[in-house]
Protein backbone atom coordinates (compact mmCIF):
# COMPACT_ATOMS: atom_id res chain seq x y z
CA UNK A 1 183.13 145.20 -48.78
CA UNK A 2 185.14 142.56 -50.49
CA UNK A 3 184.83 144.92 -53.81
CA UNK A 4 185.95 147.50 -51.68
CA UNK A 5 188.95 145.80 -50.96
CA UNK A 6 189.99 145.46 -54.58
CA UNK A 7 190.37 141.81 -54.12
CA UNK A 8 189.40 139.14 -56.96
CA UNK A 9 189.10 135.98 -53.94
CA UNK A 10 188.14 132.33 -55.14
CA UNK A 11 185.13 131.15 -53.74
CA UNK A 12 186.32 129.20 -50.64
CA UNK A 13 188.14 132.33 -49.27
CA UNK A 14 184.88 134.90 -50.00
CA UNK A 15 182.83 131.94 -48.14
CA UNK A 16 185.25 132.16 -45.26
CA UNK A 17 185.34 135.92 -45.15
CA UNK A 18 181.57 136.30 -45.35
CA UNK A 19 181.19 133.57 -42.58
CA UNK A 20 183.83 135.79 -40.10
CA UNK A 21 181.72 138.65 -40.79
CA UNK A 22 178.10 137.24 -40.14
CA UNK A 23 179.90 135.50 -37.02
CA UNK A 24 181.54 138.98 -35.90
CA UNK A 25 177.91 140.62 -36.40
CA UNK A 26 176.10 138.13 -34.48
CA UNK A 27 178.60 138.36 -31.82
CA UNK A 28 178.53 141.96 -31.70
CA UNK A 29 174.12 142.10 -31.37
CA UNK A 30 174.78 139.00 -28.46
CA UNK A 31 177.08 141.49 -26.51
CA UNK A 32 175.03 144.63 -27.16
CA UNK A 33 171.86 143.14 -26.23
CA UNK A 34 173.05 141.78 -23.28
CA UNK A 35 174.44 145.42 -22.36
CA UNK A 36 170.69 146.35 -23.11
CA UNK A 37 169.30 143.84 -21.07
CA UNK A 38 171.99 145.23 -18.10
CA UNK A 39 170.49 148.64 -18.75
CA UNK A 40 166.92 147.46 -18.45
CA UNK A 41 166.83 145.76 -15.32
CA UNK A 42 169.29 148.66 -13.81
CA UNK A 43 166.45 151.35 -15.01
CA UNK A 44 163.60 149.02 -13.93
CA UNK A 45 165.09 148.86 -10.24
CA UNK A 46 165.64 152.14 -9.77
CA UNK A 47 162.08 152.70 -10.92
CA UNK A 48 160.67 150.35 -8.44
CA UNK A 49 162.92 152.05 -5.72
CA UNK A 50 161.09 154.97 -6.26
CA UNK A 51 157.73 153.44 -6.67
CA UNK A 52 158.24 151.63 -3.32
CA UNK A 53 159.11 154.67 -1.30
CA UNK A 54 155.74 156.18 -2.65
CA UNK A 55 154.18 153.04 -1.92
CA UNK A 56 155.64 152.69 1.48
CA UNK A 57 153.48 156.06 2.23
CA UNK A 58 150.49 154.93 0.57
CA UNK A 59 150.12 151.33 2.62
CA UNK A 60 151.09 153.46 5.65
CA UNK A 61 147.86 155.62 5.18
CA UNK A 62 145.92 152.36 3.77
CA UNK A 63 147.14 150.20 7.29
CA UNK A 64 145.63 153.31 9.52
CA UNK A 65 142.41 153.11 8.09
CA UNK A 66 142.26 149.37 8.22
CA UNK A 67 143.18 150.03 11.73
CA UNK A 68 140.29 152.40 12.24
CA UNK A 69 137.80 150.33 10.51
CA UNK A 70 138.97 147.21 12.46
CA UNK A 71 138.52 149.15 16.02
CA UNK A 72 134.85 151.05 14.46
CA UNK A 73 133.80 148.11 12.46
CA UNK A 74 130.42 148.46 13.50
CA UNK A 75 130.34 152.00 12.89
CA UNK A 76 131.83 152.05 9.21
CA UNK A 77 131.58 148.35 7.93
CA UNK A 78 133.24 149.81 4.57
CA UNK A 79 136.57 148.75 3.06
CA UNK A 80 138.55 151.87 2.65
CA UNK A 81 139.66 152.43 -0.36
CA UNK A 82 141.69 155.27 -2.22
CA UNK A 83 141.77 156.57 -5.80
CA UNK A 84 145.61 157.01 -5.91
CA UNK A 85 146.09 152.75 -5.99
CA UNK A 86 144.34 149.25 -5.75
CA UNK A 87 144.36 147.21 -3.01
CA UNK A 88 143.80 144.05 -1.06
CA UNK A 89 144.45 142.13 2.20
CA UNK A 90 145.37 138.29 2.71
CA UNK A 91 144.83 136.13 5.83
CA UNK A 92 148.13 134.24 7.30
CA UNK A 93 146.84 131.51 5.03
CA UNK A 94 147.22 133.47 2.55
CA UNK A 95 143.74 133.47 1.55
CA UNK A 96 142.23 136.59 -0.07
CA UNK A 97 140.13 138.46 2.86
CA UNK A 98 139.10 141.34 0.06
CA UNK A 99 140.28 142.88 -3.10
CA UNK A 100 140.31 145.94 -5.24
CA UNK A 101 143.33 144.58 -7.64
CA UNK A 102 142.96 144.57 -11.29
CA UNK A 103 145.87 142.18 -11.88
CA UNK A 104 145.21 138.52 -10.76
CA UNK A 105 148.60 137.74 -10.10
CA UNK A 106 149.96 137.76 -6.99
CA UNK A 107 153.26 136.89 -5.30
CA UNK A 108 153.32 137.31 -1.18
CA UNK A 109 156.80 136.67 -1.19
CA UNK A 110 158.11 139.63 -2.65
CA UNK A 111 158.51 143.28 -1.75
CA UNK A 112 158.00 144.53 -4.77
CA UNK A 113 157.02 143.67 -8.13
CA UNK A 114 155.63 143.97 -11.39
CA UNK A 115 152.53 141.91 -13.38
CA UNK A 116 150.73 142.97 -16.18
CA UNK A 117 151.38 146.53 -16.53
CA UNK A 118 151.43 147.13 -13.10
CA UNK A 119 153.65 147.44 -9.69
CA UNK A 120 152.86 145.88 -6.85
CA UNK A 121 153.69 146.26 -3.20
CA UNK A 122 153.36 144.01 -0.17
CA UNK A 123 153.98 144.85 3.51
CA UNK A 124 152.87 143.19 6.68
CA UNK A 125 150.89 145.44 9.11
CA UNK A 126 152.54 144.97 13.16
CA UNK A 127 149.21 143.77 13.91
CA UNK A 128 146.62 141.64 12.20
CA UNK A 129 143.75 144.35 11.55
CA UNK A 130 140.78 142.57 10.45
CA UNK A 131 142.63 139.33 10.38
CA UNK A 132 145.14 140.82 7.71
CA UNK A 133 148.73 139.67 7.55
CA UNK A 134 149.28 140.97 4.06
CA UNK A 135 148.15 144.40 3.04
CA UNK A 136 149.22 144.40 -0.95
CA UNK A 137 149.06 147.53 -3.27
CA UNK A 138 148.52 148.30 -6.46
CA UNK A 139 149.57 151.18 -9.02
CA UNK A 140 149.98 151.19 -12.95
CA UNK A 141 153.07 151.03 -14.20
CA UNK A 142 154.87 154.40 -15.62
CA UNK A 143 155.10 153.62 -19.09
CA UNK A 144 157.12 157.07 -19.42
CA UNK A 145 160.33 155.09 -18.70
CA UNK A 146 159.87 152.21 -20.48
CA UNK A 147 159.28 154.35 -23.70
CA UNK A 148 162.56 156.12 -22.79
CA UNK A 149 164.45 152.97 -21.49
CA UNK A 150 163.40 151.69 -25.36
CA UNK A 151 164.47 154.79 -27.26
CA UNK A 152 167.76 155.21 -25.67
CA UNK A 153 168.35 150.96 -26.09
CA UNK A 154 167.52 151.60 -29.91
CA UNK A 155 170.24 154.29 -30.45
CA UNK A 156 172.21 152.80 -28.39
CA UNK A 157 171.84 149.46 -30.52
CA UNK A 158 172.45 151.40 -33.87
CA UNK A 159 175.49 153.44 -32.89
CA UNK A 160 177.32 150.54 -30.91
CA UNK A 161 176.66 148.11 -33.96
CA UNK A 162 177.75 150.68 -36.21
CA UNK A 163 180.72 151.71 -34.27
CA UNK A 164 181.68 147.71 -33.54
CA UNK A 165 180.95 146.83 -37.67
CA UNK A 166 183.03 149.85 -38.70
CA UNK A 167 185.84 148.52 -36.73
CA UNK A 168 185.67 144.70 -37.62
CA UNK A 169 185.58 146.28 -41.27
CA UNK A 170 189.08 147.96 -40.27
CA UNK A 171 190.52 144.85 -38.76
CA UNK A 172 189.16 142.71 -41.88
CA UNK A 173 191.16 144.87 -44.09
CA UNK A 174 193.70 145.24 -42.23
CA UNK A 175 193.97 140.88 -41.41
CA UNK A 176 193.72 140.78 -45.79
CA UNK A 177 196.63 142.76 -46.03
CA UNK A 178 198.78 140.19 -46.40
CA UNK A 179 196.57 137.68 -48.45
CA UNK A 180 195.96 141.12 -50.87
CA UNK A 181 199.83 141.28 -51.44
CA UNK A 182 200.04 137.87 -51.81
CA UNK A 183 197.56 137.62 -54.25
CA UNK A 184 199.12 140.73 -56.50
CA UNK A 185 202.47 138.82 -56.21
CA UNK A 186 200.84 135.59 -57.50
CA UNK A 187 198.83 137.26 -60.05
CA UNK A 188 202.07 139.10 -61.51
CA UNK A 189 203.86 135.90 -61.41
CA UNK A 190 201.28 133.70 -63.41
CA UNK A 191 200.95 137.43 -66.05
CA UNK A 192 204.59 137.06 -66.63
CA UNK A 193 205.13 133.57 -66.58
CA UNK A 194 202.43 132.92 -69.60
CA UNK A 195 203.70 135.74 -71.46
CA UNK A 196 207.10 134.02 -71.71
CA UNK A 197 205.62 130.77 -72.50
CA UNK A 198 203.03 131.68 -75.44
CA UNK A 199 205.61 132.03 -77.80
CA UNK A 200 207.47 128.82 -77.43
CA UNK A 201 204.32 126.57 -77.15
CA UNK A 202 203.10 128.03 -80.12
CA UNK A 203 206.06 127.54 -81.87
CA UNK A 204 206.34 123.76 -80.84
CA UNK A 205 202.33 123.08 -81.66
CA UNK A 206 202.57 124.86 -84.93
CA UNK A 207 205.85 123.15 -85.97
CA UNK A 208 204.23 119.39 -84.92
CA UNK A 209 200.89 120.40 -86.94
CA UNK A 210 202.81 120.85 -89.64
CA UNK A 211 204.79 117.27 -89.87
CA UNK A 212 203.21 114.41 -91.39
CA UNK A 213 203.83 112.09 -88.05
CA UNK A 214 201.64 109.20 -90.32
CA UNK A 215 204.17 109.24 -93.14
CA UNK A 216 207.16 108.72 -90.84
CA UNK A 217 208.66 105.42 -91.24
CA UNK A 218 210.71 105.66 -87.88
CA UNK A 219 208.29 104.38 -85.72
CA UNK A 220 210.34 105.62 -82.63
CA UNK A 221 210.62 109.24 -84.02
CA UNK A 222 206.68 108.93 -84.60
CA UNK A 223 206.07 108.34 -80.85
CA UNK A 224 208.68 110.66 -79.86
CA UNK A 225 207.20 113.12 -81.51
CA UNK A 226 203.24 111.94 -80.79
CA UNK A 227 204.63 112.41 -76.85
CA UNK A 228 206.19 116.06 -77.75
CA UNK A 229 202.88 117.19 -79.45
CA UNK A 230 200.77 115.19 -76.02
CA UNK A 231 202.88 117.45 -73.54
CA UNK A 232 202.45 120.79 -75.44
CA UNK A 233 199.07 120.18 -76.37
CA UNK A 234 198.78 120.24 -72.04
CA UNK A 235 201.26 123.19 -71.41
CA UNK A 236 199.07 124.91 -73.83
CA UNK A 237 195.80 124.36 -71.94
CA UNK A 238 197.17 124.98 -68.89
CA UNK A 239 198.70 128.69 -70.44
CA UNK A 240 195.04 129.09 -71.48
CA UNK A 241 193.74 128.57 -68.11
CA UNK A 242 195.88 130.76 -66.18
CA UNK A 243 195.59 133.32 -69.06
CA UNK A 244 192.08 133.89 -68.59
CA UNK A 245 192.23 133.73 -65.02
CA UNK A 246 194.41 136.83 -64.97
CA UNK A 247 192.87 138.80 -68.06
CA UNK A 248 189.19 137.63 -67.75
CA UNK A 249 188.22 141.21 -66.25
CA UNK A 250 190.17 142.71 -69.75
CA UNK A 251 188.57 140.25 -72.05
CA UNK A 252 186.33 141.49 -74.41
CA UNK A 253 183.29 139.03 -75.56
CA UNK A 254 182.66 139.07 -79.15
CA UNK A 255 179.13 137.57 -78.86
CA UNK A 256 177.81 135.71 -82.34
CA UNK A 257 175.67 133.10 -83.22
CA UNK A 258 178.12 129.73 -83.26
CA UNK A 259 178.26 126.56 -84.67
CA UNK A 260 178.88 124.20 -81.47
CA UNK A 261 178.77 121.00 -83.92
CA UNK A 262 181.85 122.00 -85.47
CA UNK A 263 183.88 123.40 -82.26
CA UNK A 264 182.76 120.46 -80.44
CA UNK A 265 184.55 118.17 -83.31
CA UNK A 266 187.21 120.48 -83.55
CA UNK A 267 188.01 120.15 -79.88
CA UNK A 268 187.65 116.40 -79.72
CA UNK A 269 190.27 116.37 -82.82
CA UNK A 270 192.82 118.45 -80.58
CA UNK A 271 192.53 116.47 -77.50
CA UNK A 272 192.76 113.05 -79.82
CA UNK A 273 196.66 113.40 -79.19
CA UNK A 274 195.75 113.06 -75.43
CA UNK A 275 193.25 110.60 -75.08
CA UNK A 276 195.39 108.21 -77.22
CA UNK A 277 198.09 108.03 -74.85
CA UNK A 278 196.08 106.50 -72.50
CA UNK A 279 194.47 104.70 -75.23
CA UNK A 280 190.98 106.28 -74.14
CA UNK A 281 188.24 106.12 -77.39
CA UNK A 282 185.52 108.94 -78.18
CA UNK A 283 181.80 108.01 -78.46
CA UNK A 284 180.30 110.98 -80.72
CA UNK A 285 176.77 111.19 -80.98
CA UNK A 286 176.93 114.75 -82.39
CA UNK A 287 173.98 116.32 -83.91
CA UNK A 288 174.99 118.97 -86.50
CA UNK A 289 173.81 122.52 -86.77
CA UNK A 290 173.40 122.99 -83.14
CA UNK A 291 173.74 126.29 -82.38
CA UNK A 292 174.74 129.00 -79.30
CA UNK A 293 175.46 132.32 -78.88
CA UNK A 294 178.27 133.05 -77.61
CA UNK A 295 182.43 134.00 -77.34
CA UNK A 296 183.82 131.25 -79.76
CA UNK A 297 186.78 131.59 -77.11
CA UNK A 298 185.01 131.37 -74.26
CA UNK A 299 182.95 128.51 -75.24
CA UNK A 300 185.50 126.62 -76.73
CA UNK A 301 187.48 126.86 -73.15
CA UNK A 302 184.63 125.13 -71.85
CA UNK A 303 184.64 122.55 -73.92
CA UNK A 304 188.42 122.12 -73.58
CA UNK A 305 188.06 122.13 -70.16
CA UNK A 306 185.93 119.62 -69.72
CA UNK A 307 187.24 116.97 -72.62
CA UNK A 308 190.77 118.00 -70.32
CA UNK A 309 188.86 116.43 -67.41
CA UNK A 310 187.39 113.62 -69.04
CA UNK A 311 190.67 112.45 -70.33
CA UNK A 312 192.88 113.53 -66.94
CA UNK A 313 190.39 111.47 -64.79
CA UNK A 314 189.84 108.69 -67.19
CA UNK A 315 191.13 105.32 -66.74
CA UNK A 316 193.12 103.86 -69.60
CA UNK A 317 191.63 101.97 -72.24
CA UNK A 318 188.77 104.05 -71.24
CA UNK A 319 186.06 106.20 -72.96
CA UNK A 320 184.27 109.58 -73.59
CA UNK A 321 180.53 110.12 -74.62
CA UNK A 322 179.92 112.99 -76.53
CA UNK A 323 176.43 114.10 -76.92
CA UNK A 324 175.84 116.99 -78.39
CA UNK A 325 171.83 118.12 -79.27
CA UNK A 326 169.37 121.19 -79.45
CA UNK A 327 170.39 123.13 -76.53
CA UNK A 328 172.15 120.49 -74.35
CA UNK A 329 176.13 119.17 -74.13
CA UNK A 330 176.81 115.98 -72.60
CA UNK A 331 180.28 114.84 -71.92
CA UNK A 332 180.65 111.62 -70.24
CA UNK A 333 183.43 109.49 -69.18
CA UNK A 334 184.33 106.45 -67.56
CA UNK A 335 186.95 107.24 -64.97
CA UNK A 336 187.13 107.84 -61.06
CA UNK A 337 184.06 108.99 -60.32
CA UNK A 338 183.90 111.41 -57.12
CA UNK A 339 181.93 111.08 -54.20
CA UNK A 340 178.55 112.82 -53.87
CA UNK A 341 179.32 115.16 -51.40
CA UNK A 342 182.36 116.68 -52.87
CA UNK A 343 180.19 117.32 -56.14
CA UNK A 344 179.06 120.64 -54.80
CA UNK A 345 182.87 122.15 -53.85
CA UNK A 346 183.89 120.64 -57.49
CA UNK A 347 184.01 124.42 -59.13
CA UNK A 348 185.60 125.81 -56.23
CA UNK A 349 188.96 127.49 -57.51
CA UNK A 350 192.13 125.27 -57.02
CA UNK A 351 189.54 122.79 -55.29
CA UNK A 352 191.45 118.75 -56.16
CA UNK A 353 189.71 116.09 -54.97
CA UNK A 354 192.97 113.52 -57.00
CA UNK A 355 196.49 114.74 -56.35
CA UNK A 356 197.45 111.40 -58.52
CA UNK A 357 196.80 113.70 -61.44
CA UNK A 358 198.36 117.29 -62.29
CA UNK A 359 196.78 120.44 -62.55
CA UNK A 360 196.03 123.70 -60.16
CA UNK A 361 192.11 122.70 -59.74
CA UNK A 362 191.58 126.15 -61.93
CA UNK A 363 189.72 124.44 -65.11
CA UNK A 364 186.23 123.42 -63.56
CA UNK A 365 186.26 127.23 -61.84
CA UNK A 366 186.74 128.62 -65.58
CA UNK A 367 183.96 126.74 -66.97
CA UNK A 368 181.40 128.07 -63.52
CA UNK A 369 182.60 131.52 -64.47
CA UNK A 370 181.49 131.47 -68.26
CA UNK A 371 178.44 129.32 -67.91
CA UNK A 372 177.54 131.59 -65.04
CA UNK A 373 178.00 134.85 -67.21
CA UNK A 374 176.00 133.09 -70.15
CA UNK A 375 173.18 131.81 -68.11
CA UNK A 376 174.33 128.12 -69.09
CA UNK A 377 172.99 125.35 -66.65
CA UNK A 378 175.57 122.92 -65.50
CA UNK A 379 174.56 119.57 -63.65
CA UNK A 380 177.07 117.14 -62.42
CA UNK A 381 176.28 113.31 -61.88
CA UNK A 382 179.14 110.87 -60.20
CA UNK A 383 179.68 107.31 -58.80
CA UNK A 384 182.88 106.58 -57.39
CA UNK A 385 184.80 103.79 -60.19
CA UNK A 386 182.10 104.34 -63.03
CA UNK A 387 182.43 107.77 -64.06
CA UNK A 388 181.42 111.53 -64.06
CA UNK A 389 178.89 113.11 -66.49
CA UNK A 390 179.01 116.89 -67.13
CA UNK A 391 175.67 118.07 -68.48
CA UNK A 392 175.07 122.04 -70.06
CA UNK A 393 171.89 123.34 -70.95
CA UNK A 394 170.79 126.50 -72.26
C-alpha cells in the first residue's frame, strides 16, 4: 500500500502508518464479528421459536399419553415413547422419574434451550400425572440453519472487511496527501539547495588543499585556514548525505573489489582536521589488504558517517579507535554514549538523541540503508559516559 502511494517515508512514519492500518483492521474485524454474533443469536432465537411451536404440540400429545397411563397404569405399565422426540419426566423435587434423553444436561429453569446439538423444551402439566411436575422433550437440532448462517456470516465477513479496508485505504491516502506534498516540497528544496552548494564547497576544499598550511609563518593565519577547512568539510559531509537521500534511487552502483584498508586510511586523514579541533586522537589498528566487494562511494559514505559521528559525539581530548581486520570494521569512540533503550532507534531517519550538537539525524539512516543493501551486519554497543562502538561484519 505504501508503495502505491508513491511516498518514500522514513522508518518511523512507516511504522506509524502500518500501526494505523493494523489497528483499523482489528477494529473492523471486531465490529464485523460483533454484528455476526448478533445475527447468529437472532437466527438462533428465530429457529427456537419455530421449534417451540412444534414442541408444544409434541408436549401436549405426551402429556395426554401420561394422563392416560396414569389413569390406566395397571393396564399399560409402559412409559409412552415417540420416534419424533425423546422425553423425560421429573418430580417436584426435580428428581428424575424416567428418561429417554440422549443429552444428559438438563435446565429445568429454562423453557427452550440447546445443548450438545439438541433442542430441549420444558413444560409443567396442570396435574402431576405419574408424579411428574416437569415434562422435558428433546429433538435433534436442525443443522441446516447452522450451515446457512455460517455461509452467510462468512460471505458477510469477507465482503464487509473488503469494503471497510478499501474505505480505510482511501481515507489513509486522503490523510497522507498533505504529508506527501510536504515531503515532495522538502525533496525539491533539498535537491535545489544541494545543487547550489556543490560548486562553492568544492572550490573551498580544493583551494585549501592546495595550500601548504604548515609552511605558513603566520600562526593566526594557519588557525583561520584550519577553521575554514573544518567548516568546509563539515558542510561537504552534510551535502553528500543530502545528495544521497535525494538521489539514492537514481544512483547506479559500481560494485568492485575494493581495498578497504586504503579507503579507511584515506577517510581518517580527511577527518583529521575535524578531529584536531576537539583534540581527538586516532588509534589505528588497520590490517593491510582487507577487501570488500562494494561501490566505492557508498562504502566511503558509511565510513564517513561513522567517523563523523565518532568525532561529533566525542569529548574534548578523546580518542577514536579504528580496527580493521578480515571482514570486520570497528570504530570505537570515547564519547557520551547512549542509553540502551534508545539504541534500536538510532538508525531511524531524523532520530537525534543529543541536540547539543548539529546535524539532521540522517547519517546513521544512510549507513543502515547501505549496509542493508550489501548484507553487512552492523552492531552497536554503547555505555553512557564511556563511549560507543560500531561494528560492521560482512
